[in-house]
């Protein structure tokens, strides 16, 4: 059974930092492109960052230079380090797995990150 379990969300002041994690199980993690997406109230879900099995990175322009995606294949976990947070970063952050050989991705349940003073 596939599971993607996000953790690490919370409330932080503008300019602060958060790190969210996504622990994966039920598929070959090292062969999956992992990603973080977010959805703010009233908006569509959008790409934040992705990391391929070889470590190729991709970021949304809005987070470049502030967010860092990484993965630990030994722990089947993908991370998103978020620095210099802004109120507009407030959203539910979702972990996504695109697994080699599978048409549909897997999604986590999401974790709420709120940036507010």
N, C-alpha and C. Protein backbone atom coordinates (compact mmCIF):
# COMPACT_ATOMS: atom_id res chain seq x y z
N UNK A 1 0.85 -1.20 0.00
CA UNK A 1 0.00 0.00 0.00
C UNK A 1 0.88 1.24 0.00
N UNK A 2 0.61 2.15 -0.93
CA UNK A 2 1.40 3.36 -1.05
C UNK A 2 0.97 4.38 0.00
N UNK A 3 1.96 4.98 0.63
CA UNK A 3 1.69 6.05 1.57
C UNK A 3 2.68 7.18 1.36
N UNK A 4 2.18 8.41 1.40
CA UNK A 4 3.01 9.62 1.43
C UNK A 4 2.52 10.41 2.63
N UNK A 5 3.38 10.55 3.62
CA UNK A 5 2.97 11.20 4.86
C UNK A 5 3.81 12.45 5.07
N UNK A 6 3.14 13.60 4.95
CA UNK A 6 3.82 14.87 5.15
C UNK A 6 3.84 15.25 6.63
N UNK A 7 4.87 15.98 7.01
CA UNK A 7 4.97 16.49 8.38
C UNK A 7 5.82 17.74 8.37
N UNK A 8 5.73 18.51 9.48
CA UNK A 8 6.60 19.66 9.64
C UNK A 8 5.95 21.00 9.35
N UNK A 9 4.71 21.01 8.95
CA UNK A 9 4.04 22.28 8.71
C UNK A 9 3.74 23.01 10.00
N UNK A 10 3.28 24.26 9.87
CA UNK A 10 2.94 25.01 11.05
C UNK A 10 2.81 26.48 10.78
N UNK A 11 2.89 27.25 11.85
CA UNK A 11 2.76 28.71 11.79
C UNK A 11 4.13 29.34 11.99
N UNK A 12 4.45 30.29 11.13
CA UNK A 12 5.74 30.97 11.23
C UNK A 12 5.55 32.43 10.85
N UNK A 13 6.40 33.29 11.39
CA UNK A 13 6.32 34.71 11.07
C UNK A 13 6.98 35.00 9.73
N UNK A 14 6.60 36.07 9.06
CA UNK A 14 7.28 36.45 7.82
C UNK A 14 8.78 36.57 8.03
N UNK A 15 9.53 36.04 7.06
CA UNK A 15 10.98 36.03 7.17
C UNK A 15 11.53 34.79 7.84
N UNK A 16 10.65 33.98 8.41
CA UNK A 16 11.07 32.77 9.10
C UNK A 16 11.27 31.59 8.17
N UNK A 17 11.53 30.44 8.78
CA UNK A 17 11.82 29.22 8.03
C UNK A 17 10.97 28.06 8.53
N UNK A 18 10.72 27.13 7.63
CA UNK A 18 10.06 25.87 7.96
C UNK A 18 10.68 24.79 7.09
N UNK A 19 10.69 23.57 7.61
CA UNK A 19 11.06 22.42 6.79
C UNK A 19 9.95 21.40 6.88
N UNK A 20 9.48 21.00 5.72
CA UNK A 20 8.47 19.96 5.66
C UNK A 20 9.10 18.70 5.09
N UNK A 21 8.59 17.56 5.55
CA UNK A 21 9.10 16.27 5.13
C UNK A 21 7.97 15.42 4.58
N UNK A 22 8.33 14.49 3.71
CA UNK A 22 7.35 13.55 3.16
C UNK A 22 7.99 12.17 3.19
N UNK A 23 7.46 11.31 4.04
CA UNK A 23 7.96 9.94 4.15
C UNK A 23 7.12 9.05 3.24
N UNK A 24 7.81 8.32 2.37
CA UNK A 24 7.12 7.50 1.38
C UNK A 24 7.31 6.02 1.66
N UNK A 25 6.32 5.24 1.26
CA UNK A 25 6.41 3.79 1.37
C UNK A 25 5.49 3.16 0.33
N UNK A 26 5.78 1.90 0.01
CA UNK A 26 4.91 1.16 -0.90
C UNK A 26 5.31 1.20 -2.36
N UNK A 27 6.40 1.88 -2.68
CA UNK A 27 6.91 1.89 -4.05
C UNK A 27 8.42 2.11 -3.98
N UNK A 28 9.08 1.98 -5.15
CA UNK A 28 10.54 2.13 -5.18
C UNK A 28 10.86 3.62 -5.23
N UNK A 29 11.14 4.17 -4.08
CA UNK A 29 11.32 5.62 -3.92
C UNK A 29 12.43 6.15 -4.83
N UNK A 30 13.52 5.41 -4.94
CA UNK A 30 14.68 5.90 -5.69
C UNK A 30 14.39 6.06 -7.18
N UNK A 31 13.32 5.47 -7.67
CA UNK A 31 12.96 5.58 -9.08
C UNK A 31 11.86 6.60 -9.35
N UNK A 32 11.46 7.30 -8.31
CA UNK A 32 10.35 8.24 -8.45
C UNK A 32 10.83 9.69 -8.50
N UNK A 33 10.20 10.46 -9.35
CA UNK A 33 10.37 11.91 -9.29
C UNK A 33 9.44 12.41 -8.19
N UNK A 34 10.02 13.11 -7.23
CA UNK A 34 9.25 13.60 -6.10
C UNK A 34 9.04 15.10 -6.23
N UNK A 35 7.91 15.56 -5.74
CA UNK A 35 7.63 16.98 -5.87
C UNK A 35 6.81 17.51 -4.71
N UNK A 36 6.90 18.80 -4.57
CA UNK A 36 6.06 19.53 -3.62
C UNK A 36 5.18 20.49 -4.42
N UNK A 37 3.90 20.50 -4.08
CA UNK A 37 2.92 21.40 -4.67
C UNK A 37 2.21 22.11 -3.53
N UNK A 38 1.54 23.19 -3.85
CA UNK A 38 0.80 23.89 -2.80
C UNK A 38 -0.51 24.44 -3.35
N UNK A 39 -1.44 24.61 -2.43
CA UNK A 39 -2.74 25.16 -2.81
C UNK A 39 -3.19 26.14 -1.74
N UNK A 40 -3.32 27.38 -2.15
CA UNK A 40 -3.81 28.42 -1.25
C UNK A 40 -5.33 28.50 -1.38
N UNK A 41 -6.00 29.05 -0.38
CA UNK A 41 -7.46 29.15 -0.43
C UNK A 41 -7.93 29.89 -1.67
N UNK A 42 -8.87 29.30 -2.38
CA UNK A 42 -9.42 29.92 -3.56
C UNK A 42 -8.55 29.87 -4.80
N UNK A 43 -7.42 29.16 -4.71
CA UNK A 43 -6.50 29.09 -5.85
C UNK A 43 -6.29 27.65 -6.27
N UNK A 44 -5.75 27.48 -7.48
CA UNK A 44 -5.45 26.14 -7.96
C UNK A 44 -4.15 25.64 -7.34
N UNK A 45 -4.03 24.33 -7.32
CA UNK A 45 -2.79 23.73 -6.85
C UNK A 45 -1.67 24.06 -7.84
N UNK A 46 -0.51 24.42 -7.31
CA UNK A 46 0.60 24.81 -8.17
C UNK A 46 1.90 24.12 -7.77
N UNK A 47 2.76 23.98 -8.76
CA UNK A 47 4.07 23.39 -8.54
C UNK A 47 4.92 24.29 -7.66
N UNK A 48 5.62 23.69 -6.70
CA UNK A 48 6.62 24.41 -5.92
C UNK A 48 8.01 23.97 -6.35
N UNK A 49 8.26 22.66 -6.30
CA UNK A 49 9.60 22.15 -6.65
C UNK A 49 9.52 20.66 -6.92
N UNK A 50 10.43 20.18 -7.78
CA UNK A 50 10.53 18.75 -8.02
C UNK A 50 11.99 18.33 -8.01
N UNK A 51 12.21 17.04 -7.76
CA UNK A 51 13.54 16.47 -7.81
C UNK A 51 13.44 15.09 -8.45
N UNK A 52 14.24 14.86 -9.48
CA UNK A 52 14.19 13.59 -10.20
C UNK A 52 15.03 12.54 -9.47
N UNK A 53 14.95 11.28 -9.92
CA UNK A 53 15.80 10.24 -9.31
C UNK A 53 17.29 10.57 -9.42
N UNK A 54 17.69 11.28 -10.45
CA UNK A 54 19.10 11.64 -10.59
C UNK A 54 19.46 12.93 -9.87
N UNK A 55 18.47 13.58 -9.28
CA UNK A 55 18.75 14.79 -8.52
C UNK A 55 18.57 16.08 -9.28
N UNK A 56 17.99 16.02 -10.47
CA UNK A 56 17.72 17.25 -11.21
C UNK A 56 16.60 18.01 -10.51
N UNK A 57 16.84 19.30 -10.33
CA UNK A 57 15.90 20.13 -9.57
C UNK A 57 15.13 21.08 -10.48
N UNK A 58 13.92 21.38 -10.05
CA UNK A 58 13.09 22.36 -10.76
C UNK A 58 12.30 23.13 -9.71
N UNK A 59 12.26 24.46 -9.86
CA UNK A 59 11.56 25.30 -8.90
C UNK A 59 10.62 26.26 -9.61
N UNK A 60 9.53 26.58 -8.93
CA UNK A 60 8.68 27.68 -9.39
C UNK A 60 9.46 28.98 -9.22
N UNK A 61 9.25 29.93 -10.13
CA UNK A 61 9.97 31.19 -10.05
C UNK A 61 9.73 31.90 -8.72
N UNK A 62 8.55 31.73 -8.17
CA UNK A 62 8.18 32.44 -6.94
C UNK A 62 8.96 31.98 -5.72
N UNK A 63 9.60 30.80 -5.80
CA UNK A 63 10.32 30.27 -4.63
C UNK A 63 11.82 30.12 -4.87
N UNK A 64 12.27 30.39 -6.09
CA UNK A 64 13.69 30.25 -6.39
C UNK A 64 14.53 31.12 -5.48
N UNK A 65 15.60 30.53 -4.94
CA UNK A 65 16.48 31.27 -4.04
C UNK A 65 16.02 31.26 -2.60
N UNK A 66 14.80 30.78 -2.34
CA UNK A 66 14.28 30.75 -0.97
C UNK A 66 14.00 29.33 -0.50
N UNK A 67 13.55 28.48 -1.41
CA UNK A 67 13.19 27.10 -1.06
C UNK A 67 14.22 26.13 -1.64
N UNK A 68 14.42 25.02 -0.93
CA UNK A 68 15.32 23.97 -1.41
C UNK A 68 14.66 22.62 -1.22
N UNK A 69 14.57 21.87 -2.32
CA UNK A 69 14.06 20.51 -2.25
C UNK A 69 15.24 19.55 -2.21
N UNK A 70 15.10 18.47 -1.43
CA UNK A 70 16.15 17.46 -1.36
C UNK A 70 15.50 16.12 -1.06
N UNK A 71 16.28 15.07 -1.25
CA UNK A 71 15.76 13.74 -0.99
C UNK A 71 16.82 12.88 -0.33
N UNK A 72 16.36 11.94 0.47
CA UNK A 72 17.24 10.96 1.11
C UNK A 72 16.68 9.60 0.74
N UNK A 73 17.29 8.96 -0.25
CA UNK A 73 16.78 7.67 -0.73
C UNK A 73 16.91 6.57 0.32
N UNK A 74 17.85 6.70 1.22
CA UNK A 74 18.01 5.70 2.28
C UNK A 74 16.85 5.75 3.27
N UNK A 75 16.24 6.93 3.39
CA UNK A 75 15.12 7.10 4.32
C UNK A 75 13.78 7.20 3.61
N UNK A 76 13.80 7.09 2.26
CA UNK A 76 12.56 7.22 1.48
C UNK A 76 11.82 8.51 1.83
N UNK A 77 12.56 9.59 1.91
CA UNK A 77 11.99 10.85 2.36
C UNK A 77 12.44 12.00 1.45
N UNK A 78 11.50 12.89 1.18
CA UNK A 78 11.81 14.11 0.45
C UNK A 78 11.51 15.29 1.37
N UNK A 79 12.34 16.31 1.25
CA UNK A 79 12.24 17.47 2.13
C UNK A 79 12.02 18.74 1.31
N UNK A 80 11.44 19.73 1.97
CA UNK A 80 11.37 21.06 1.39
C UNK A 80 11.75 22.05 2.49
N UNK A 81 12.92 22.65 2.32
CA UNK A 81 13.38 23.69 3.24
C UNK A 81 12.89 25.03 2.71
N UNK A 82 12.16 25.76 3.52
CA UNK A 82 11.57 27.02 3.10
C UNK A 82 12.13 28.14 3.98
N UNK A 83 12.84 29.06 3.36
CA UNK A 83 13.42 30.20 4.05
C UNK A 83 12.81 31.50 3.54
N UNK A 84 13.02 32.56 4.30
CA UNK A 84 12.53 33.89 3.92
C UNK A 84 11.06 33.82 3.54
N UNK A 85 10.29 33.19 4.38
CA UNK A 85 8.88 32.96 4.07
C UNK A 85 8.08 34.26 4.03
N UNK A 86 7.11 34.27 3.13
CA UNK A 86 6.24 35.42 2.93
C UNK A 86 4.79 35.01 3.19
N UNK A 87 3.94 35.96 3.53
CA UNK A 87 2.52 35.61 3.73
C UNK A 87 1.91 34.89 2.52
N UNK A 88 2.36 35.23 1.33
CA UNK A 88 1.80 34.58 0.14
C UNK A 88 2.27 33.13 -0.03
N UNK A 89 3.16 32.68 0.83
CA UNK A 89 3.54 31.26 0.83
C UNK A 89 2.55 30.41 1.63
N UNK A 90 1.63 31.06 2.29
CA UNK A 90 0.63 30.33 3.07
C UNK A 90 -0.21 29.44 2.16
N UNK A 91 -0.26 28.16 2.50
CA UNK A 91 -0.97 27.19 1.66
C UNK A 91 -0.92 25.83 2.33
N UNK A 92 -1.69 24.91 1.77
CA UNK A 92 -1.51 23.50 2.10
C UNK A 92 -0.47 22.95 1.13
N UNK A 93 0.56 22.34 1.68
CA UNK A 93 1.65 21.81 0.88
C UNK A 93 1.47 20.29 0.73
N UNK A 94 1.53 19.83 -0.52
CA UNK A 94 1.30 18.44 -0.84
C UNK A 94 2.56 17.81 -1.43
N UNK A 95 2.81 16.59 -1.05
CA UNK A 95 3.88 15.79 -1.61
C UNK A 95 3.32 14.95 -2.76
N UNK A 96 4.08 14.85 -3.83
CA UNK A 96 3.64 14.09 -5.00
C UNK A 96 4.74 13.14 -5.43
N UNK A 97 4.36 11.94 -5.84
CA UNK A 97 5.32 10.97 -6.36
C UNK A 97 4.90 10.52 -7.75
N UNK A 98 5.77 10.75 -8.72
CA UNK A 98 5.60 10.21 -10.07
C UNK A 98 6.50 8.97 -10.17
N UNK A 99 5.85 7.82 -10.14
CA UNK A 99 6.59 6.56 -10.06
C UNK A 99 6.84 6.01 -11.45
N UNK A 100 8.04 5.56 -11.70
CA UNK A 100 8.42 5.00 -12.99
C UNK A 100 7.48 3.87 -13.38
N UNK A 101 6.91 3.96 -14.59
CA UNK A 101 6.05 2.90 -15.09
C UNK A 101 4.58 3.04 -14.71
N UNK A 102 4.25 4.08 -13.96
CA UNK A 102 2.86 4.27 -13.53
C UNK A 102 2.34 5.57 -14.14
N UNK A 103 1.10 5.54 -14.66
CA UNK A 103 0.54 6.72 -15.30
C UNK A 103 0.11 7.79 -14.32
N UNK A 104 -0.53 7.37 -13.22
CA UNK A 104 -1.07 8.33 -12.27
C UNK A 104 -0.12 8.53 -11.11
N UNK A 105 0.05 9.78 -10.67
CA UNK A 105 0.92 10.02 -9.52
C UNK A 105 0.22 9.68 -8.21
N UNK A 106 1.02 9.60 -7.17
CA UNK A 106 0.50 9.48 -5.81
C UNK A 106 0.61 10.84 -5.14
N UNK A 107 -0.36 11.11 -4.26
CA UNK A 107 -0.37 12.37 -3.52
C UNK A 107 -0.45 12.10 -2.01
N UNK A 108 0.19 12.96 -1.25
CA UNK A 108 0.02 12.93 0.18
C UNK A 108 -1.24 13.67 0.59
N UNK A 109 -1.48 13.70 1.90
CA UNK A 109 -2.71 14.30 2.40
C UNK A 109 -2.58 15.82 2.60
N UNK A 110 -1.36 16.32 2.58
CA UNK A 110 -1.13 17.76 2.71
C UNK A 110 -0.82 18.19 4.13
N UNK A 111 -0.06 19.26 4.21
CA UNK A 111 0.25 19.86 5.51
C UNK A 111 0.11 21.37 5.40
N UNK A 112 -0.53 21.97 6.39
CA UNK A 112 -0.81 23.40 6.34
C UNK A 112 0.39 24.20 6.83
N UNK A 113 0.81 25.13 6.01
CA UNK A 113 1.85 26.07 6.39
C UNK A 113 1.27 27.48 6.34
N UNK A 114 1.38 28.19 7.45
CA UNK A 114 0.82 29.54 7.54
C UNK A 114 1.93 30.52 7.91
N UNK A 115 2.04 31.57 7.10
CA UNK A 115 3.03 32.62 7.35
C UNK A 115 2.27 33.88 7.73
N UNK A 116 2.38 34.24 8.99
CA UNK A 116 1.61 35.38 9.49
C UNK A 116 2.28 35.95 10.72
N UNK A 117 2.14 37.26 10.88
CA UNK A 117 2.65 37.91 12.09
C UNK A 117 1.55 38.00 13.15
